[in-house]
């Protein structure tokens, strides 16, 4: 068992100032990103993009098929607030509600071949 006493949020354990790194700590939702297009590195690229915007990407992997024609956002909870925020970040209106009872993730992003244009700065 460990007890942490007196930790400052503005200083890293190394003693260096935290700077902008504290704003990059993911805190929005529990997000899963699945590659549905078969393009190598797609899920990793979109995950990095979302993490840079404070989304908490918990899992990346491959979808059940690589034949998804476009990127879509799947809300796994009845409250679609987080799904809408992901949808806005990825500039897509392909948003659906699909609950499977597991509720492990708030949102699943399934990438289609249009993913690259959605993460350009």
Protein backbone atom coordinates (compact mmCIF):
# COMPACT_ATOMS: atom_id res chain seq x y z
CA UNK A 1 0.00 0.00 0.00
CA UNK A 2 1.27 3.47 -0.86
CA UNK A 3 0.18 6.84 0.40
CA UNK A 4 0.94 9.97 -1.58
CA UNK A 5 1.06 13.12 0.48
CA UNK A 6 1.65 16.64 -0.74
CA UNK A 7 1.80 16.10 -4.50
CA UNK A 8 1.71 19.29 -6.50
CA UNK A 9 -0.07 19.25 -9.84
CA UNK A 10 2.19 21.97 -11.28
CA UNK A 11 5.41 19.98 -10.73
CA UNK A 12 6.36 16.63 -12.27
CA UNK A 13 7.91 13.89 -10.10
CA UNK A 14 11.29 14.85 -11.60
CA UNK A 15 10.88 18.32 -10.10
CA UNK A 16 10.37 19.98 -13.49
CA UNK A 17 7.41 22.32 -14.03
CA UNK A 18 4.44 20.50 -15.55
CA UNK A 19 3.81 23.19 -18.16
CA UNK A 20 1.38 22.22 -20.91
CA UNK A 21 1.57 18.51 -20.14
CA UNK A 22 -1.23 18.80 -17.57
CA UNK A 23 -3.61 19.98 -20.29
CA UNK A 24 -2.89 16.80 -22.28
CA UNK A 25 -4.04 14.38 -19.63
CA UNK A 26 -7.00 12.63 -21.25
CA UNK A 27 -10.22 13.10 -19.35
CA UNK A 28 -13.11 12.98 -21.82
CA UNK A 29 -14.95 9.68 -21.99
CA UNK A 30 -13.80 6.13 -22.52
CA UNK A 31 -13.09 5.83 -26.22
CA UNK A 32 -12.39 2.81 -28.41
CA UNK A 33 -10.95 3.33 -31.92
CA UNK A 34 -11.26 0.51 -34.44
CA UNK A 35 -9.67 0.32 -37.88
CA UNK A 36 -12.50 -0.45 -40.29
CA UNK A 37 -10.62 0.45 -43.47
CA UNK A 38 -7.49 -1.72 -43.39
CA UNK A 39 -5.06 1.17 -43.73
CA UNK A 40 -2.03 0.45 -41.54
CA UNK A 41 -1.71 2.88 -38.63
CA UNK A 42 -5.19 4.38 -39.00
CA UNK A 43 -6.36 3.60 -35.46
CA UNK A 44 -3.10 4.85 -33.94
CA UNK A 45 -3.20 8.13 -35.88
CA UNK A 46 -6.79 8.86 -34.92
CA UNK A 47 -6.12 7.86 -31.31
CA UNK A 48 -3.23 10.33 -31.12
CA UNK A 49 -5.45 13.02 -32.66
CA UNK A 50 -8.20 12.41 -30.10
CA UNK A 51 -5.78 12.21 -27.16
CA UNK A 52 -4.33 15.58 -28.17
CA UNK A 53 -7.87 16.89 -27.71
CA UNK A 54 -8.20 15.36 -24.21
CA UNK A 55 -10.26 12.31 -25.20
CA UNK A 56 -9.39 9.23 -23.14
CA UNK A 57 -8.70 6.53 -25.73
CA UNK A 58 -8.73 3.26 -23.82
CA UNK A 59 -8.42 0.79 -26.68
CA UNK A 60 -7.37 0.62 -30.33
CA UNK A 61 -7.71 -2.33 -32.65
CA UNK A 62 -9.32 -3.69 -35.78
CA UNK A 63 -13.04 -3.72 -36.55
CA UNK A 64 -14.79 -6.95 -37.49
CA UNK A 65 -14.27 -6.09 -41.18
CA UNK A 66 -12.29 -3.58 -43.23
CA UNK A 67 -15.22 -2.74 -45.48
CA UNK A 68 -16.61 0.29 -43.65
CA UNK A 69 -17.24 2.93 -46.35
CA UNK A 70 -16.87 5.92 -44.01
CA UNK A 71 -15.86 6.85 -40.47
CA UNK A 72 -18.66 6.53 -37.96
CA UNK A 73 -19.13 7.26 -34.28
CA UNK A 74 -21.06 4.77 -32.15
CA UNK A 75 -22.42 5.93 -28.81
CA UNK A 76 -22.47 3.01 -26.37
CA UNK A 77 -24.49 4.93 -23.76
CA UNK A 78 -27.90 6.60 -23.94
CA UNK A 79 -26.26 9.93 -23.09
CA UNK A 80 -24.73 10.85 -26.44
CA UNK A 81 -22.84 13.92 -25.19
CA UNK A 82 -19.38 12.37 -25.50
CA UNK A 83 -20.22 10.80 -28.86
CA UNK A 84 -21.27 14.21 -30.17
CA UNK A 85 -17.99 15.72 -28.99
CA UNK A 86 -16.01 12.99 -30.77
CA UNK A 87 -18.17 13.51 -33.85
CA UNK A 88 -17.39 17.23 -33.80
CA UNK A 89 -13.66 16.61 -33.34
CA UNK A 90 -13.64 14.25 -36.34
CA UNK A 91 -16.01 16.43 -38.41
CA UNK A 92 -18.50 13.69 -39.15
CA UNK A 93 -22.26 13.48 -38.90
CA UNK A 94 -22.22 9.67 -39.01
CA UNK A 95 -23.34 9.17 -35.42
CA UNK A 96 -25.46 6.31 -34.10
CA UNK A 97 -26.57 4.87 -30.77
CA UNK A 98 -25.85 1.16 -30.39
CA UNK A 99 -25.87 -0.26 -26.88
CA UNK A 100 -24.64 -3.78 -26.36
CA UNK A 101 -25.03 -4.01 -22.61
CA UNK A 102 -21.30 -4.08 -21.90
CA UNK A 103 -20.85 -0.34 -21.42
CA UNK A 104 -17.06 -0.77 -21.31
CA UNK A 105 -16.67 2.25 -23.58
CA UNK A 106 -18.72 5.42 -23.95
CA UNK A 107 -17.90 5.67 -27.65
CA UNK A 108 -16.53 3.43 -30.38
CA UNK A 109 -15.01 5.11 -33.43
CA UNK A 110 -14.97 2.90 -36.52
CA UNK A 111 -12.63 4.26 -39.17
CA UNK A 112 -13.42 4.27 -42.85
CA UNK A 113 -11.03 5.29 -45.65
CA UNK A 114 -12.02 8.95 -45.12
CA UNK A 115 -10.31 9.04 -41.67
CA UNK A 116 -7.17 10.79 -42.90
CA UNK A 117 -8.99 13.93 -44.02
CA UNK A 118 -10.68 14.11 -40.63
CA UNK A 119 -7.47 14.43 -38.60
CA UNK A 120 -5.56 16.97 -40.67
CA UNK A 121 -4.62 20.09 -38.74
